[in-house]
Amino acid sequence: MLSSYPVACPHDDCDWTGSLIPSLVRGGPRAEITSLQPAWFRCPRCRRDWEARIKDDTVIILLGVEQGS
């Protein structure tokens, strides 16, 4: 079973919050992520991606690596 994580879109002009299942690659399929492994999330509202790490079920957003779709 894939784990979803509570997140908020980090983009200044988007205020979406909810739970998402991460991907191992930008725009890729959903996947189970191990602790500190790179993870990508895509906002369902603005459709932009951002990179993060997951540590102890906490999402740590990596600033400066957000990408458009």
PDB file of N, CA and C in Angstrom:
ATOM      1  N   MET A   1       0.841  -1.178   0.000  1.00  0.00           N
ATOM      2  CA  MET A   1       0.000   0.000   0.000  1.00  0.00           C
ATOM      3  C   MET A   1       0.892   1.250   0.000  1.00  0.00           C
ATOM      4  N   LEU A   2       0.548   2.209  -0.829  1.00  0.00           N
ATOM      5  CA  LEU A   2       1.324   3.445  -0.914  1.00  0.00           C
ATOM      6  C   LEU A   2       0.914   4.408   0.188  1.00  0.00           C
ATOM      7  N   SER A   3       1.888   5.131   0.710  1.00  0.00           N
ATOM      8  CA  SER A   3       1.627   6.099   1.783  1.00  0.00           C
ATOM      9  C   SER A   3       1.408   7.482   1.201  1.00  0.00           C
ATOM     10  N   SER A   4       0.396   8.165   1.701  1.00  0.00           N
ATOM     11  CA  SER A   4       0.190   9.565   1.329  1.00  0.00           C
ATOM     12  C   SER A   4       0.661  10.429   2.491  1.00  0.00           C
ATOM     13  N   TYR A   5       0.996  11.663   2.174  1.00  0.00           N
ATOM     14  CA  TYR A   5       1.549  12.574   3.166  1.00  0.00           C
ATOM     15  C   TYR A   5       0.795  13.899   3.115  1.00  0.00           C
ATOM     16  N   PRO A   6       0.523  14.505   4.274  1.00  0.00           N
ATOM     17  CA  PRO A   6      -0.104  15.828   4.275  1.00  0.00           C
ATOM     18  C   PRO A   6       0.918  16.861   3.804  1.00  0.00           C
ATOM     19  N   VAL A   7       0.544  17.639   2.802  1.00  0.00           N
ATOM     20  CA  VAL A   7       1.443  18.649   2.239  1.00  0.00           C
ATOM     21  C   VAL A   7       0.650  19.908   1.903  1.00  0.00           C
ATOM     22  N   ALA A   8       1.378  20.986   1.726  1.00  0.00           N
ATOM     23  CA  ALA A   8       0.829  22.241   1.222  1.00  0.00           C
ATOM     24  C   ALA A   8       1.697  22.655   0.040  1.00  0.00           C
ATOM     25  N   CYS A   9       1.069  23.070  -1.029  1.00  0.00           N
ATOM     26  CA  CYS A   9       1.843  23.499  -2.206  1.00  0.00           C
ATOM     27  C   CYS A   9       2.753  24.659  -1.798  1.00  0.00           C
ATOM     28  N   PRO A  10       4.049  24.575  -2.124  1.00  0.00           N
ATOM     29  CA  PRO A  10       4.990  25.618  -1.696  1.00  0.00           C
ATOM     30  C   PRO A  10       5.029  26.838  -2.603  1.00  0.00           C
ATOM     31  N   HIS A  11       4.270  26.827  -3.689  1.00  0.00           N
ATOM     32  CA  HIS A  11       4.312  27.943  -4.630  1.00  0.00           C
ATOM     33  C   HIS A  11       3.514  29.133  -4.093  1.00  0.00           C
ATOM     34  N   ASP A  12       4.102  30.329  -4.216  1.00  0.00           N
ATOM     35  CA  ASP A  12       3.528  31.534  -3.625  1.00  0.00           C
ATOM     36  C   ASP A  12       2.104  31.821  -4.084  1.00  0.00           C
ATOM     37  N   ASP A  13       1.791  31.520  -5.324  1.00  0.00           N
ATOM     38  CA  ASP A  13       0.482  31.872  -5.858  1.00  0.00           C
ATOM     39  C   ASP A  13      -0.533  30.725  -5.787  1.00  0.00           C
ATOM     40  N   CYS A  14      -0.254  29.718  -4.971  1.00  0.00           N
ATOM     41  CA  CYS A  14      -1.158  28.575  -4.829  1.00  0.00           C
ATOM     42  C   CYS A  14      -1.326  28.272  -3.342  1.00  0.00           C
ATOM     43  N   ASP A  15      -2.558  28.060  -2.917  1.00  0.00           N
ATOM     44  CA  ASP A  15      -2.800  27.799  -1.494  1.00  0.00           C
ATOM     45  C   ASP A  15      -3.390  26.406  -1.251  1.00  0.00           C
ATOM     46  N   TRP A  16      -3.141  25.468  -2.158  1.00  0.00           N
ATOM     47  CA  TRP A  16      -3.683  24.124  -2.014  1.00  0.00           C
ATOM     48  C   TRP A  16      -3.029  23.385  -0.851  1.00  0.00           C
ATOM     49  N   THR A  17      -3.833  22.660  -0.075  1.00  0.00           N
ATOM     50  CA  THR A  17      -3.332  21.764   0.956  1.00  0.00           C
ATOM     51  C   THR A  17      -4.125  20.460   0.875  1.00  0.00           C
ATOM     52  N   GLY A  18      -3.484  19.377   1.235  1.00  0.00           N
ATOM     53  CA  GLY A  18      -4.136  18.075   1.206  1.00  0.00           C
ATOM     54  C   GLY A  18      -3.108  16.971   1.364  1.00  0.00           C
ATOM     55  N   SER A  19      -3.481  15.763   0.983  1.00  0.00           N
ATOM     56  CA  SER A  19      -2.578  14.617   1.067  1.00  0.00           C
ATOM     57  C   SER A  19      -2.246  14.126  -0.336  1.00  0.00           C
ATOM     58  N   LEU A  20      -0.972  13.832  -0.555  1.00  0.00           N
ATOM     59  CA  LEU A  20      -0.517  13.331  -1.854  1.00  0.00           C
ATOM     60  C   LEU A  20       0.387  12.120  -1.669  1.00  0.00           C
ATOM     61  N   ILE A  21       0.427  11.285  -2.685  1.00  0.00           N
ATOM     62  CA  ILE A  21       1.376  10.178  -2.748  1.00  0.00           C
ATOM     63  C   ILE A  21       2.541  10.650  -3.609  1.00  0.00           C
ATOM     64  N   PRO A  22       3.765  10.540  -3.131  1.00  0.00           N
ATOM     65  CA  PRO A  22       4.920  11.040  -3.892  1.00  0.00           C
ATOM     66  C   PRO A  22       5.307  10.127  -5.048  1.00  0.00           C
ATOM     67  N   SER A  23       6.232  10.636  -5.853  1.00  0.00           N
ATOM     68  CA  SER A  23       6.816   9.894  -6.958  1.00  0.00           C
ATOM     69  C   SER A  23       8.332   9.893  -6.785  1.00  0.00           C
ATOM     70  N   LEU A  24       8.985   8.912  -7.376  1.00  0.00           N
ATOM     71  CA  LEU A  24      10.456   8.869  -7.336  1.00  0.00           C
ATOM     72  C   LEU A  24      11.086   9.838  -8.333  1.00  0.00           C
ATOM     73  N   VAL A  25      10.339  10.206  -9.375  1.00  0.00           N
ATOM     74  CA  VAL A  25      10.837  11.125 -10.397  1.00  0.00           C
ATOM     75  C   VAL A  25       9.782  12.185 -10.670  1.00  0.00           C
ATOM     76  N   ARG A  26      10.224  13.352 -11.117  1.00  0.00           N
ATOM     77  CA  ARG A  26       9.297  14.433 -11.428  1.00  0.00           C
ATOM     78  C   ARG A  26       8.298  13.993 -12.476  1.00  0.00           C
ATOM     79  N   GLY A  27       7.021  14.128 -12.168  1.00  0.00           N
ATOM     80  CA  GLY A  27       5.967  13.769 -13.099  1.00  0.00           C
ATOM     81  C   GLY A  27       5.751  12.279 -13.273  1.00  0.00           C
ATOM     82  N   GLY A  28       6.428  11.475 -12.489  1.00  0.00           N
ATOM     83  CA  GLY A  28       6.361  10.025 -12.634  1.00  0.00           C
ATOM     84  C   GLY A  28       5.210   9.392 -11.878  1.00  0.00           C
ATOM     85  N   PRO A  29       5.158   8.068 -11.934  1.00  0.00           N
ATOM     86  CA  PRO A  29       4.095   7.355 -11.240  1.00  0.00           C
ATOM     87  C   PRO A  29       4.297   7.407  -9.720  1.00  0.00           C
ATOM     88  N   ARG A  30       3.215   7.243  -9.014  1.00  0.00           N
ATOM     89  CA  ARG A  30       3.276   7.226  -7.549  1.00  0.00           C
ATOM     90  C   ARG A  30       4.105   6.036  -7.094  1.00  0.00           C
ATOM     91  N   ALA A  31       4.813   6.220  -5.981  1.00  0.00           N
ATOM     92  CA  ALA A  31       5.703   5.156  -5.508  1.00  0.00           C
ATOM     93  C   ALA A  31       5.878   5.242  -3.998  1.00  0.00           C
ATOM     94  N   GLU A  32       6.258   4.127  -3.401  1.00  0.00           N
ATOM     95  CA  GLU A  32       6.605   4.119  -1.979  1.00  0.00           C
ATOM     96  C   GLU A  32       8.011   4.700  -1.840  1.00  0.00           C
ATOM     97  N   ILE A  33       8.187   5.629  -0.930  1.00  0.00           N
ATOM     98  CA  ILE A  33       9.450   6.343  -0.750  1.00  0.00           C
ATOM     99  C   ILE A  33      10.032   5.956   0.611  1.00  0.00           C
ATOM    100  N   THR A  34      11.323   5.645   0.627  1.00  0.00           N
ATOM    101  CA  THR A  34      11.988   5.354   1.893  1.00  0.00           C
ATOM    102  C   THR A  34      12.522   6.645   2.499  1.00  0.00           C
ATOM    103  N   SER A  35      12.846   6.617   3.772  1.00  0.00           N
ATOM    104  CA  SER A  35      13.314   7.802   4.475  1.00  0.00           C
ATOM    105  C   SER A  35      14.539   8.410   3.799  1.00  0.00           C
ATOM    106  N   LEU A  36      14.488   9.724   3.609  1.00  0.00           N
ATOM    107  CA  LEU A  36      15.538  10.563   3.008  1.00  0.00           C
ATOM    108  C   LEU A  36      15.779  10.309   1.525  1.00  0.00           C
ATOM    109  N   GLN A  37      14.971   9.480   0.904  1.00  0.00           N
ATOM    110  CA  GLN A  37      15.057   9.270  -0.546  1.00  0.00           C
ATOM    111  C   GLN A  37      14.403  10.474  -1.235  1.00  0.00           C
ATOM    112  N   PRO A  38      14.943  10.911  -2.391  1.00  0.00           N
ATOM    113  CA  PRO A  38      14.294  12.014  -3.105  1.00  0.00           C
ATOM    114  C   PRO A  38      12.850  11.653  -3.449  1.00  0.00           C
ATOM    115  N   ALA A  39      11.972  12.621  -3.317  1.00  0.00           N
ATOM    116  CA  ALA A  39      10.561  12.420  -3.627  1.00  0.00           C
ATOM    117  C   ALA A  39      10.049  13.656  -4.357  1.00  0.00           C
ATOM    118  N   TRP A  40       9.112  13.451  -5.260  1.00  0.00           N
ATOM    119  CA  TRP A  40       8.492  14.545  -6.001  1.00  0.00           C
ATOM    120  C   TRP A  40       6.998  14.533  -5.739  1.00  0.00           C
ATOM    121  N   PHE A  41       6.442  15.726  -5.587  1.00  0.00           N
ATOM    122  CA  PHE A  41       4.999  15.890  -5.431  1.00  0.00           C
ATOM    123  C   PHE A  41       4.507  16.806  -6.541  1.00  0.00           C
ATOM    124  N   ARG A  42       3.258  16.590  -6.998  1.00  0.00           N
ATOM    125  CA  ARG A  42       2.634  17.470  -7.992  1.00  0.00           C
ATOM    126  C   ARG A  42       1.340  18.010  -7.413  1.00  0.00           C
ATOM    127  N   CYS A  43       1.226  19.327  -7.415  1.00  0.00           N
ATOM    128  CA  CYS A  43       0.034  19.979  -6.903  1.00  0.00           C
ATOM    129  C   CYS A  43      -1.130  19.746  -7.869  1.00  0.00           C
ATOM    130  N   PRO A  44      -2.256  19.251  -7.361  1.00  0.00           N
ATOM    131  CA  PRO A  44      -3.400  19.035  -8.243  1.00  0.00           C
ATOM    132  C   PRO A  44      -4.079  20.339  -8.674  1.00  0.00           C
ATOM    133  N   ARG A  45      -3.810  21.443  -7.989  1.00  0.00           N
ATOM    134  CA  ARG A  45      -4.424  22.719  -8.367  1.00  0.00           C
ATOM    135  C   ARG A  45      -3.589  23.448  -9.427  1.00  0.00           C
ATOM    136  N   CYS A  46      -2.325  23.726  -9.143  1.00  0.00           N
ATOM    137  CA  CYS A  46      -1.514  24.517 -10.081  1.00  0.00           C
ATOM    138  C   CYS A  46      -0.704  23.649 -11.050  1.00  0.00           C
ATOM    139  N   ARG A  47      -0.693  22.328 -10.811  1.00  0.00           N
ATOM    140  CA  ARG A  47      -0.025  21.349 -11.684  1.00  0.00           C
ATOM    141  C   ARG A  47       1.493  21.513 -11.733  1.00  0.00           C
ATOM    142  N   ARG A  48       2.074  22.155 -10.717  1.00  0.00           N
ATOM    143  CA  ARG A  48       3.529  22.283 -10.654  1.00  0.00           C
ATOM    144  C   ARG A  48       4.096  21.270  -9.672  1.00  0.00           C
ATOM    145  N   ASP A  49       5.346  20.887  -9.907  1.00  0.00           N
ATOM    146  CA  ASP A  49       6.031  19.884  -9.101  1.00  0.00           C
ATOM    147  C   ASP A  49       6.969  20.545  -8.104  1.00  0.00           C
ATOM    148  N   TRP A  50       7.260  19.808  -7.035  1.00  0.00           N
ATOM    149  CA  TRP A  50       8.322  20.229  -6.120  1.00  0.00           C
ATOM    150  C   TRP A  50       9.004  19.000  -5.553  1.00  0.00           C
ATOM    151  N   GLU A  51      10.296  19.153  -5.252  1.00  0.00           N
ATOM    152  CA  GLU A  51      11.083  18.055  -4.712  1.00  0.00           C
ATOM    153  C   GLU A  51      11.104  18.147  -3.187  1.00  0.00           C
ATOM    154  N   ALA A  52      11.149  16.989  -2.559  1.00  0.00           N
ATOM    155  CA  ALA A  52      11.162  16.928  -1.097  1.00  0.00           C
ATOM    156  C   ALA A  52      11.928  15.689  -0.651  1.00  0.00           C
ATOM    157  N   ARG A  53      12.144  15.604   0.623  1.00  0.00           N
ATOM    158  CA  ARG A  53      12.643  14.391   1.272  1.00  0.00           C
ATOM    159  C   ARG A  53      11.621  14.045   2.355  1.00  0.00           C
ATOM    160  N   ILE A  54      11.498  12.785   2.658  1.00  0.00           N
ATOM    161  CA  ILE A  54      10.589  12.347   3.707  1.00  0.00           C
ATOM    162  C   ILE A  54      11.422  11.737   4.818  1.00  0.00           C
ATOM    163  N   LYS A  55      11.249  12.277   6.017  1.00  0.00           N
ATOM    164  CA  LYS A  55      11.987  11.770   7.172  1.00  0.00           C
ATOM    165  C   LYS A  55      11.008  11.566   8.311  1.00  0.00           C
ATOM    166  N   ASP A  56      10.912  10.328   8.777  1.00  0.00           N
ATOM    167  CA  ASP A  56      10.000   9.998   9.888  1.00  0.00           C
ATOM    168  C   ASP A  56       8.587  10.498   9.624  1.00  0.00           C
ATOM    169  N   ASP A  57       8.082  10.255   8.432  1.00  0.00           N
ATOM    170  CA  ASP A  57       6.724  10.642   8.022  1.00  0.00           C
ATOM    171  C   ASP A  57       6.513  12.150   7.929  1.00  0.00           C
ATOM    172  N   THR A  58       7.595  12.921   7.919  1.00  0.00           N
ATOM    173  CA  THR A  58       7.515  14.366   7.749  1.00  0.00           C
ATOM    174  C   THR A  58       8.096  14.736   6.392  1.00  0.00           C
ATOM    175  N   VAL A  59       7.378  15.564   5.646  1.00  0.00           N
ATOM    176  CA  VAL A  59       7.834  16.014   4.327  1.00  0.00           C
ATOM    177  C   VAL A  59       8.683  17.264   4.509  1.00  0.00           C
ATOM    178  N   ILE A  60       9.906  17.228   3.998  1.00  0.00           N
ATOM    179  CA  ILE A  60      10.827  18.363   4.043  1.00  0.00           C
ATOM    180  C   ILE A  60      10.979  18.871   2.616  1.00  0.00           C
ATOM    181  N   ILE A  61      10.451  20.059   2.337  1.00  0.00           N
ATOM    182  CA  ILE A  61      10.499  20.631   0.994  1.00  0.00           C
ATOM    183  C   ILE A  61      11.884  21.184   0.730  1.00  0.00           C
ATOM    184  N   LEU A  62      12.432  20.849  -0.433  1.00  0.00           N
ATOM    185  CA  LEU A  62      13.728  21.376  -0.852  1.00  0.00           C
ATOM    186  C   LEU A  62      13.485  22.613  -1.690  1.00  0.00           C
ATOM    187  N   LEU A  63      13.860  23.761  -1.171  1.00  0.00           N
ATOM    188  CA  LEU A  63      13.603  25.020  -1.858  1.00  0.00           C
ATOM    189  C   LEU A  63      14.494  25.183  -3.072  1.00  0.00           C
ATOM    190  N   GLY A  64      13.990  25.901  -4.053  1.00  0.00           N
ATOM    191  CA  GLY A  64      14.774  26.208  -5.238  1.00  0.00           C
ATOM    192  C   GLY A  64      14.797  25.110  -6.280  1.00  0.00           C
ATOM    193  N   VAL A  65      14.022  24.061  -6.114  1.00  0.00           N
ATOM    194  CA  VAL A  65      14.015  22.993  -7.096  1.00  0.00           C
ATOM    195  C   VAL A  65      12.616  22.754  -7.675  1.00  0.00           C
ATOM    196  N   GLU A  66      11.684  23.665  -7.434  1.00  0.00           N
ATOM    197  CA  GLU A  66      10.344  23.497  -7.962  1.00  0.00           C
ATOM    198  C   GLU A  66      10.380  23.631  -9.471  1.00  0.00           C
ATOM    199  N   GLN A  67       9.546  22.857 -10.136  1.00  0.00           N
ATOM    200  CA  GLN A  67       9.522  22.845 -11.590  1.00  0.00           C
ATOM    201  C   GLN A  67       8.084  22.960 -12.083  1.00  0.00           C
ATOM    202  N   GLY A  68       7.897  23.600 -13.226  1.00  0.00           N
ATOM    203  CA  GLY A  68       6.591  23.640 -13.862  1.00  0.00           C
ATOM    204  C   GLY A  68       6.363  22.341 -14.601  1.00  0.00           C
ATOM    205  N   SER A  69       5.119  22.132 -14.984  1.00  0.00           N
ATOM    206  CA  SER A  69       4.811  20.881 -15.685  1.00  0.00           C
ATOM    207  C   SER A  69       5.068  20.991 -17.167  1.00  0.00           C
TER     208      SER A  69
END
